[in-house]
Amino acid sequence: MPAANKAKNVFDSGKTVSFHVKSVVVCQQSQKSGSLFKTIVQRDSRNKRYDFEADTPKLAGEIVHAVRSLKSNLERSNTVNKSRRSRQVS
């Protein structure tokens, strides 16, 4: 079987999950194998762990960095909005 067909079969048989970045608890790259990374998400009052493998360690690092950046930007924007609301005097 050609490599392109193998990749297609892997993605056709997998399940798809989506979640909001607010629910991401941890996203980190593996120290032992740089191309692996894990994401822990809070779902239904418990944590669910997802393990992923990227093509290269560099790509895994970029994905982890992107998720962390999104999470920190969201947290920062929520903090700014809350502080602005608290400054308003009626």
PDB file of N, CA and C in Angstrom:
ATOM      1  N   MET A   1       0.843  -1.173   0.000  1.00  0.00           N
ATOM      2  CA  MET A   1       0.000   0.000   0.000  1.00  0.00           C
ATOM      3  C   MET A   1       0.894   1.243   0.000  1.00  0.00           C
ATOM      4  N   PRO A   2       0.678   2.213  -0.899  1.00  0.00           N
ATOM      5  CA  PRO A   2       1.478   3.435  -0.929  1.00  0.00           C
ATOM      6  C   PRO A   2       1.316   4.243   0.356  1.00  0.00           C
ATOM      7  N   ALA A   3       2.317   5.032   0.659  1.00  0.00           N
ATOM      8  CA  ALA A   3       2.326   5.812   1.901  1.00  0.00           C
ATOM      9  C   ALA A   3       1.137   6.771   1.976  1.00  0.00           C
ATOM     10  N   ALA A   4       0.752   7.353   0.857  1.00  0.00           N
ATOM     11  CA  ALA A   4      -0.371   8.301   0.861  1.00  0.00           C
ATOM     12  C   ALA A   4      -1.664   7.600   1.275  1.00  0.00           C
ATOM     13  N   ASN A   5      -1.862   6.365   0.819  1.00  0.00           N
ATOM     14  CA  ASN A   5      -3.066   5.626   1.196  1.00  0.00           C
ATOM     15  C   ASN A   5      -3.053   5.257   2.665  1.00  0.00           C
ATOM     16  N   LYS A   6      -1.883   4.923   3.226  1.00  0.00           N
ATOM     17  CA  LYS A   6      -1.784   4.601   4.652  1.00  0.00           C
ATOM     18  C   LYS A   6      -2.198   5.797   5.493  1.00  0.00           C
ATOM     19  N   ALA A   7      -1.681   6.967   5.152  1.00  0.00           N
ATOM     20  CA  ALA A   7      -2.015   8.175   5.903  1.00  0.00           C
ATOM     21  C   ALA A   7      -3.511   8.462   5.813  1.00  0.00           C
ATOM     22  N   LYS A   8      -4.066   8.283   4.641  1.00  0.00           N
ATOM     23  CA  LYS A   8      -5.493   8.538   4.472  1.00  0.00           C
ATOM     24  C   LYS A   8      -6.305   7.578   5.338  1.00  0.00           C
ATOM     25  N   ASN A   9      -5.913   6.311   5.375  1.00  0.00           N
ATOM     26  CA  ASN A   9      -6.641   5.332   6.184  1.00  0.00           C
ATOM     27  C   ASN A   9      -6.542   5.636   7.668  1.00  0.00           C
ATOM     28  N   VAL A  10      -5.411   6.129   8.117  1.00  0.00           N
ATOM     29  CA  VAL A  10      -5.254   6.476   9.525  1.00  0.00           C
ATOM     30  C   VAL A  10      -6.225   7.590   9.896  1.00  0.00           C
ATOM     31  N   PHE A  11      -6.306   8.611   9.067  1.00  0.00           N
ATOM     32  CA  PHE A  11      -7.172   9.732   9.386  1.00  0.00           C
ATOM     33  C   PHE A  11      -8.652   9.395   9.194  1.00  0.00           C
ATOM     34  N   ASP A  12      -8.970   8.475   8.294  1.00  0.00           N
ATOM     35  CA  ASP A  12     -10.363   8.088   8.097  1.00  0.00           C
ATOM     36  C   ASP A  12     -10.889   7.280   9.263  1.00  0.00           C
ATOM     37  N   SER A  13     -10.031   6.528   9.927  1.00  0.00           N
ATOM     38  CA  SER A  13     -10.498   5.662  11.008  1.00  0.00           C
ATOM     39  C   SER A  13     -10.501   6.345  12.372  1.00  0.00           C
ATOM     40  N   GLY A  14      -9.900   7.516  12.510  1.00  0.00           N
ATOM     41  CA  GLY A  14      -9.810   8.196  13.803  1.00  0.00           C
ATOM     42  C   GLY A  14     -11.056   8.992  14.133  1.00  0.00           C
ATOM     43  N   LYS A  15     -11.219   9.286  15.423  1.00  0.00           N
ATOM     44  CA  LYS A  15     -12.316  10.128  15.867  1.00  0.00           C
ATOM     45  C   LYS A  15     -11.831  11.572  15.927  1.00  0.00           C
ATOM     46  N   THR A  16     -12.762  12.478  15.771  1.00  0.00           N
ATOM     47  CA  THR A  16     -12.449  13.896  15.832  1.00  0.00           C
ATOM     48  C   THR A  16     -13.052  14.493  17.084  1.00  0.00           C
ATOM     49  N   VAL A  17     -12.277  15.312  17.767  1.00  0.00           N
ATOM     50  CA  VAL A  17     -12.745  15.974  18.981  1.00  0.00           C
ATOM     51  C   VAL A  17     -12.364  17.437  18.880  1.00  0.00           C
ATOM     52  N   SER A  18     -13.252  18.311  19.305  1.00  0.00           N
ATOM     53  CA  SER A  18     -12.912  19.726  19.369  1.00  0.00           C
ATOM     54  C   SER A  18     -13.324  20.263  20.731  1.00  0.00           C
ATOM     55  N   PHE A  19     -12.599  21.265  21.189  1.00  0.00           N
ATOM     56  CA  PHE A  19     -12.882  21.863  22.483  1.00  0.00           C
ATOM     57  C   PHE A  19     -12.353  23.282  22.475  1.00  0.00           C
ATOM     58  N   HIS A  20     -12.877  24.101  23.379  1.00  0.00           N
ATOM     59  CA  HIS A  20     -12.469  25.494  23.476  1.00  0.00           C
ATOM     60  C   HIS A  20     -11.116  25.570  24.167  1.00  0.00           C
ATOM     61  N   VAL A  21     -10.320  26.556  23.809  1.00  0.00           N
ATOM     62  CA  VAL A  21      -8.985  26.692  24.380  1.00  0.00           C
ATOM     63  C   VAL A  21      -9.040  26.955  25.890  1.00  0.00           C
ATOM     64  N   LYS A  22     -10.179  27.462  26.385  1.00  0.00           N
ATOM     65  CA  LYS A  22     -10.341  27.664  27.830  1.00  0.00           C
ATOM     66  C   LYS A  22     -10.243  26.359  28.600  1.00  0.00           C
ATOM     67  N   SER A  23     -10.640  25.270  27.977  1.00  0.00           N
ATOM     68  CA  SER A  23     -10.654  23.991  28.673  1.00  0.00           C
ATOM     69  C   SER A  23      -9.309  23.273  28.644  1.00  0.00           C
ATOM     70  N   VAL A  24      -8.303  23.838  27.972  1.00  0.00           N
ATOM     71  CA  VAL A  24      -6.965  23.237  27.951  1.00  0.00           C
ATOM     72  C   VAL A  24      -6.296  23.496  29.301  1.00  0.00           C
ATOM     73  N   VAL A  25      -5.907  22.413  29.967  1.00  0.00           N
ATOM     74  CA  VAL A  25      -5.228  22.523  31.254  1.00  0.00           C
ATOM     75  C   VAL A  25      -3.721  22.568  31.033  1.00  0.00           C
ATOM     76  N   VAL A  26      -3.197  21.642  30.221  1.00  0.00           N
ATOM     77  CA  VAL A  26      -1.756  21.534  29.958  1.00  0.00           C
ATOM     78  C   VAL A  26      -1.538  21.171  28.490  1.00  0.00           C
ATOM     79  N   CYS A  27      -0.505  21.734  27.911  1.00  0.00           N
ATOM     80  CA  CYS A  27      -0.047  21.323  26.589  1.00  0.00           C
ATOM     81  C   CYS A  27       1.472  21.361  26.636  1.00  0.00           C
ATOM     82  N   GLN A  28       2.109  20.192  26.512  1.00  0.00           N
ATOM     83  CA  GLN A  28       3.564  20.159  26.610  1.00  0.00           C
ATOM     84  C   GLN A  28       4.169  19.111  25.699  1.00  0.00           C
ATOM     85  N   GLN A  29       5.393  19.389  25.302  1.00  0.00           N
ATOM     86  CA  GLN A  29       6.154  18.510  24.408  1.00  0.00           C
ATOM     87  C   GLN A  29       6.914  17.497  25.256  1.00  0.00           C
ATOM     88  N   SER A  30       7.010  16.279  24.759  1.00  0.00           N
ATOM     89  CA  SER A  30       7.713  15.212  25.458  1.00  0.00           C
ATOM     90  C   SER A  30       9.216  15.481  25.486  1.00  0.00           C
ATOM     91  N   GLN A  31       9.836  15.208  26.631  1.00  0.00           N
ATOM     92  CA  GLN A  31      11.284  15.362  26.749  1.00  0.00           C
ATOM     93  C   GLN A  31      12.017  14.195  26.096  1.00  0.00           C
ATOM     94  N   LYS A  32      11.432  12.992  26.166  1.00  0.00           N
ATOM     95  CA  LYS A  32      12.088  11.791  25.638  1.00  0.00           C
ATOM     96  C   LYS A  32      12.036  11.739  24.114  1.00  0.00           C
ATOM     97  N   SER A  33      10.878  11.967  23.566  1.00  0.00           N
ATOM     98  CA  SER A  33      10.710  11.961  22.120  1.00  0.00           C
ATOM     99  C   SER A  33      10.119  13.294  21.712  1.00  0.00           C
ATOM    100  N   GLY A  34      10.909  14.131  21.099  1.00  0.00           N
ATOM    101  CA  GLY A  34      10.506  15.495  20.784  1.00  0.00           C
ATOM    102  C   GLY A  34       9.330  15.624  19.842  1.00  0.00           C
ATOM    103  N   SER A  35       9.030  14.586  19.077  1.00  0.00           N
ATOM    104  CA  SER A  35       7.919  14.691  18.141  1.00  0.00           C
ATOM    105  C   SER A  35       6.575  14.376  18.809  1.00  0.00           C
ATOM    106  N   LEU A  36       6.594  13.969  20.070  1.00  0.00           N
ATOM    107  CA  LEU A  36       5.358  13.685  20.806  1.00  0.00           C
ATOM    108  C   LEU A  36       4.984  14.869  21.684  1.00  0.00           C
ATOM    109  N   PHE A  37       3.685  15.117  21.805  1.00  0.00           N
ATOM    110  CA  PHE A  37       3.218  16.124  22.750  1.00  0.00           C
ATOM    111  C   PHE A  37       1.866  15.701  23.289  1.00  0.00           C
ATOM    112  N   LYS A  38       1.540  16.220  24.466  1.00  0.00           N
ATOM    113  CA  LYS A  38       0.271  15.860  25.092  1.00  0.00           C
ATOM    114  C   LYS A  38      -0.520  17.115  25.415  1.00  0.00           C
ATOM    115  N   THR A  39      -1.810  16.950  25.400  1.00  0.00           N
ATOM    116  CA  THR A  39      -2.737  18.006  25.778  1.00  0.00           C
ATOM    117  C   THR A  39      -3.706  17.422  26.785  1.00  0.00           C
ATOM    118  N   ILE A  40      -3.863  18.096  27.903  1.00  0.00           N
ATOM    119  CA  ILE A  40      -4.834  17.680  28.909  1.00  0.00           C
ATOM    120  C   ILE A  40      -5.950  18.709  28.905  1.00  0.00           C
ATOM    121  N   VAL A  41      -7.179  18.206  28.765  1.00  0.00           N
ATOM    122  CA  VAL A  41      -8.360  19.057  28.629  1.00  0.00           C
ATOM    123  C   VAL A  41      -9.350  18.705  29.724  1.00  0.00           C
ATOM    124  N   GLN A  42      -9.984  19.715  30.294  1.00  0.00           N
ATOM    125  CA  GLN A  42     -11.013  19.462  31.292  1.00  0.00           C
ATOM    126  C   GLN A  42     -12.334  19.223  30.574  1.00  0.00           C
ATOM    127  N   ARG A  43     -12.894  18.021  30.802  1.00  0.00           N
ATOM    128  CA  ARG A  43     -14.168  17.639  30.186  1.00  0.00           C
ATOM    129  C   ARG A  43     -15.048  16.997  31.234  1.00  0.00           C
ATOM    130  N   ASP A  44     -16.252  17.472  31.372  1.00  0.00           N
ATOM    131  CA  ASP A  44     -17.230  16.891  32.297  1.00  0.00           C
ATOM    132  C   ASP A  44     -16.648  16.735  33.697  1.00  0.00           C
ATOM    133  N   SER A  45     -16.080  17.783  34.228  1.00  0.00           N
ATOM    134  CA  SER A  45     -15.512  17.859  35.583  1.00  0.00           C
ATOM    135  C   SER A  45     -14.375  16.862  35.837  1.00  0.00           C
ATOM    136  N   ARG A  46     -13.751  16.362  34.794  1.00  0.00           N
ATOM    137  CA  ARG A  46     -12.550  15.539  34.961  1.00  0.00           C
ATOM    138  C   ARG A  46     -11.603  15.844  33.808  1.00  0.00           C
ATOM    139  N   ASN A  47     -10.352  15.468  33.974  1.00  0.00           N
ATOM    140  CA  ASN A  47      -9.360  15.759  32.941  1.00  0.00           C
ATOM    141  C   ASN A  47      -9.214  14.600  31.974  1.00  0.00           C
ATOM    142  N   LYS A  48      -9.085  14.921  30.701  1.00  0.00           N
ATOM    143  CA  LYS A  48      -8.903  13.929  29.643  1.00  0.00           C
ATOM    144  C   LYS A  48      -7.573  14.224  28.956  1.00  0.00           C
ATOM    145  N   ARG A  49      -6.751  13.197  28.813  1.00  0.00           N
ATOM    146  CA  ARG A  49      -5.423  13.361  28.208  1.00  0.00           C
ATOM    147  C   ARG A  49      -5.450  12.888  26.754  1.00  0.00           C
ATOM    148  N   TYR A  50      -4.884  13.708  25.882  1.00  0.00           N
ATOM    149  CA  TYR A  50      -4.738  13.363  24.471  1.00  0.00           C
ATOM    150  C   TYR A  50      -3.259  13.378  24.131  1.00  0.00           C
ATOM    151  N   ASP A  51      -2.758  12.306  23.544  1.00  0.00           N
ATOM    152  CA  ASP A  51      -1.369  12.217  23.095  1.00  0.00           C
ATOM    153  C   ASP A  51      -1.330  12.319  21.579  1.00  0.00           C
ATOM    154  N   PHE A  52      -0.415  13.138  21.077  1.00  0.00           N
ATOM    155  CA  PHE A  52      -0.287  13.359  19.642  1.00  0.00           C
ATOM    156  C   PHE A  52       1.154  13.150  19.211  1.00  0.00           C
ATOM    157  N   GLU A  53       1.333  12.867  17.933  1.00  0.00           N
ATOM    158  CA  GLU A  53       2.661  12.754  17.359  1.00  0.00           C
ATOM    159  C   GLU A  53       2.727  13.636  16.119  1.00  0.00           C
ATOM    160  N   ALA A  54       3.713  14.510  16.085  1.00  0.00           N
ATOM    161  CA  ALA A  54       3.927  15.381  14.932  1.00  0.00           C
ATOM    162  C   ALA A  54       4.975  14.745  14.017  1.00  0.00           C
ATOM    163  N   ASP A  55       5.089  15.248  12.815  1.00  0.00           N
ATOM    164  CA  ASP A  55       6.078  14.724  11.862  1.00  0.00           C
ATOM    165  C   ASP A  55       7.503  14.951  12.342  1.00  0.00           C
ATOM    166  N   THR A  56       7.748  16.121  12.949  1.00  0.00           N
ATOM    167  CA  THR A  56       9.095  16.457  13.415  1.00  0.00           C
ATOM    168  C   THR A  56       9.008  17.076  14.814  1.00  0.00           C
ATOM    169  N   PRO A  57      10.096  17.035  15.566  1.00  0.00           N
ATOM    170  CA  PRO A  57      10.113  17.713  16.868  1.00  0.00           C
ATOM    171  C   PRO A  57       9.871  19.217  16.743  1.00  0.00           C
ATOM    172  N   LYS A  58      10.369  19.815  15.675  1.00  0.00           N
ATOM    173  CA  LYS A  58      10.164  21.253  15.469  1.00  0.00           C
ATOM    174  C   LYS A  58       8.679  21.573  15.304  1.00  0.00           C
ATOM    175  N   LEU A  59       7.989  20.759  14.534  1.00  0.00           N
ATOM    176  CA  LEU A  59       6.552  20.960  14.323  1.00  0.00           C
ATOM    177  C   LEU A  59       5.782  20.772  15.629  1.00  0.00           C
ATOM    178  N   ALA A  60       6.157  19.786  16.423  1.00  0.00           N
ATOM    179  CA  ALA A  60       5.506  19.571  17.724  1.00  0.00           C
ATOM    180  C   ALA A  60       5.702  20.793  18.614  1.00  0.00           C
ATOM    181  N   GLY A  61       6.910  21.341  18.614  1.00  0.00           N
ATOM    182  CA  GLY A  61       7.186  22.544  19.398  1.00  0.00           C
ATOM    183  C   GLY A  61       6.358  23.736  18.942  1.00  0.00           C
ATOM    184  N   GLU A  62       6.181  23.872  17.633  1.00  0.00           N
ATOM    185  CA  GLU A  62       5.370  24.970  17.097  1.00  0.00           C
ATOM    186  C   GLU A  62       3.904  24.825  17.510  1.00  0.00           C
ATOM    187  N   ILE A  63       3.395  23.614  17.499  1.00  0.00           N
ATOM    188  CA  ILE A  63       1.997  23.372  17.891  1.00  0.00           C
ATOM    189  C   ILE A  63       1.804  23.699  19.367  1.00  0.00           C
ATOM    190  N   VAL A  64       2.717  23.205  20.198  1.00  0.00           N
ATOM    191  CA  VAL A  64       2.633  23.475  21.642  1.00  0.00           C
ATOM    192  C   VAL A  64       2.712  24.978  21.895  1.00  0.00           C
ATOM    193  N   HIS A  65       3.626  25.643  21.213  1.00  0.00           N
ATOM    194  CA  HIS A  65       3.768  27.092  21.370  1.00  0.00           C
ATOM    195  C   HIS A  65       2.479  27.817  20.961  1.00  0.00           C
ATOM    196  N   ALA A  66       1.868  27.390  19.865  1.00  0.00           N
ATOM    197  CA  ALA A  66       0.634  28.030  19.391  1.00  0.00           C
ATOM    198  C   ALA A  66      -0.502  27.850  20.392  1.00  0.00           C
ATOM    199  N   VAL A  67      -0.646  26.650  20.941  1.00  0.00           N
ATOM    200  CA  VAL A  67      -1.716  26.399  21.915  1.00  0.00           C
ATOM    201  C   VAL A  67      -1.484  27.226  23.176  1.00  0.00           C
ATOM    202  N   ARG A  68      -0.247  27.248  23.660  1.00  0.00           N
ATOM    203  CA  ARG A  68       0.070  28.038  24.860  1.00  0.00           C
ATOM    204  C   ARG A  68      -0.159  29.524  24.620  1.00  0.00           C
ATOM    205  N   SER A  69       0.199  30.012  23.440  1.00  0.00           N
ATOM    206  CA  SER A  69      -0.006  31.428  23.120  1.00  0.00           C
ATOM    207  C   SER A  69      -1.490  31.771  23.096  1.00  0.00           C
ATOM    208  N   LEU A  70      -2.287  30.922  22.466  1.00  0.00           N
ATOM    209  CA  LEU A  70      -3.734  31.161  22.439  1.00  0.00           C
ATOM    210  C   LEU A  70      -4.308  31.205  23.849  1.00  0.00           C
ATOM    211  N   LYS A  71      -3.885  30.262  24.664  1.00  0.00           N
ATOM    212  CA  LYS A  71      -4.384  30.184  26.033  1.00  0.00           C
ATOM    213  C   LYS A  71      -3.976  31.423  26.839  1.00  0.00           C
ATOM    214  N   SER A  72      -2.713  31.820  26.735  1.00  0.00           N
ATOM    215  CA  SER A  72      -2.258  32.989  27.503  1.00  0.00           C
ATOM    216  C   SER A  72      -2.911  34.275  26.997  1.00  0.00           C
ATOM    217  N   ASN A  73      -3.099  34.406  25.684  1.00  0.00           N
ATOM    218  CA  ASN A  73      -3.776  35.590  25.145  1.00  0.00           C
ATOM    219  C   ASN A  73      -5.215  35.669  25.629  1.00  0.00           C
ATOM    220  N   LEU A  74      -5.891  34.529  25.687  1.00  0.00           N
ATOM    221  CA  LEU A  74      -7.268  34.512  26.167  1.00  0.00           C
ATOM    222  C   LEU A  74      -7.328  34.884  27.640  1.00  0.00           C
ATOM    223  N   GLU A  75      -6.430  34.318  28.434  1.00  0.00           N
ATOM    224  CA  GLU A  75      -6.406  34.636  29.858  1.00  0.00           C
ATOM    225  C   GLU A  75      -6.071  36.103  30.079  1.00  0.00           C
ATOM    226  N   ARG A  76      -5.142  36.632  29.303  1.00  0.00           N
ATOM    227  CA  ARG A  76      -4.751  38.031  29.432  1.00  0.00           C
ATOM    228  C   ARG A  76      -5.911  38.946  29.055  1.00  0.00           C
ATOM    229  N   SER A  77      -6.631  38.626  27.986  1.00  0.00           N
ATOM    230  CA  SER A  77      -7.743  39.476  27.555  1.00  0.00           C
ATOM    231  C   SER A  77      -8.883  39.427  28.564  1.00  0.00           C
ATOM    232  N   ASN A  78      -9.109  38.291  29.195  1.00  0.00           N
ATOM    233  CA  ASN A  78     -10.140  38.204  30.237  1.00  0.00           C
ATOM    234  C   ASN A  78      -9.754  39.028  31.451  1.00  0.00           C
ATOM    235  N   THR A  79      -8.494  39.051  31.799  1.00  0.00           N
ATOM    236  CA  THR A  79      -8.030  39.842  32.933  1.00  0.00           C
ATOM    237  C   THR A  79      -8.207  41.325  32.654  1.00  0.00           C
ATOM    238  N   VAL A  80      -7.879  41.767  31.453  1.00  0.00           N
ATOM    239  CA  VAL A  80      -8.024  43.176  31.082  1.00  0.00           C
ATOM    240  C   VAL A  80      -9.487  43.569  31.121  1.00  0.00           C
ATOM    241  N   ASN A  81     -10.372  42.740  30.581  1.00  0.00           N
ATOM    242  CA  ASN A  81     -11.791  43.063  30.578  1.00  0.00           C
ATOM    243  C   ASN A  81     -12.341  43.159  31.992  1.00  0.00           C
ATOM    244  N   LYS A  82     -11.931  42.260  32.865  1.00  0.00           N
ATOM    245  CA  LYS A  82     -12.415  42.288  34.241  1.00  0.00           C
ATOM    246  C   LYS A  82     -11.917  43.533  34.963  1.00  0.00           C
ATOM    247  N   SER A  83     -10.659  43.903  34.765  1.00  0.00           N
ATOM    248  CA  SER A  83     -10.121  45.074  35.455  1.00  0.00           C
ATOM    249  C   SER A  83     -10.776  46.354  34.932  1.00  0.00           C
ATOM    250  N   ARG A  84     -11.104  46.417  33.664  1.00  0.00           N
ATOM    251  CA  ARG A  84     -11.775  47.588  33.115  1.00  0.00           C
ATOM    252  C   ARG A  84     -13.176  47.722  33.701  1.00  0.00           C
ATOM    253  N   ARG A  85     -13.868  46.607  33.840  1.00  0.00           N
ATOM    254  CA  ARG A  85     -15.209  46.669  34.409  1.00  0.00           C
ATOM    255  C   ARG A  85     -15.168  47.140  35.851  1.00  0.00           C
ATOM    256  N   SER A  86     -14.157  46.726  36.593  1.00  0.00           N
ATOM    257  CA  SER A  86     -14.113  47.072  38.016  1.00  0.00           C
ATOM    258  C   SER A  86     -13.771  48.553  38.229  1.00  0.00           C
ATOM    259  N   ARG A  87     -13.193  49.197  37.229  1.00  0.00           N
ATOM    260  CA  ARG A  87     -12.829  50.606  37.364  1.00  0.00           C
ATOM    261  C   ARG A  87     -14.007  51.545  37.119  1.00  0.00           C
ATOM    262  N   GLN A  88     -15.037  51.027  36.491  1.00  0.00           N
ATOM    263  CA  GLN A  88     -16.175  51.879  36.184  1.00  0.00           C
ATOM    264  C   GLN A  88     -16.922  52.250  37.457  1.00  0.00           C
ATOM    265  N   VAL A  89     -17.209  53.507  37.577  1.00  0.00           N
ATOM    266  CA  VAL A  89     -17.929  53.995  38.752  1.00  0.00           C
ATOM    267  C   VAL A  89     -19.307  54.435  38.303  1.00  0.00           C
ATOM    268  N   SER A  90     -20.324  53.971  39.014  1.00  0.00           N
ATOM    269  CA  SER A  90     -21.695  54.327  38.642  1.00  0.00           C
ATOM    270  C   SER A  90     -22.135  55.609  39.287  1.00  0.00           C
TER     271      SER A  90
END
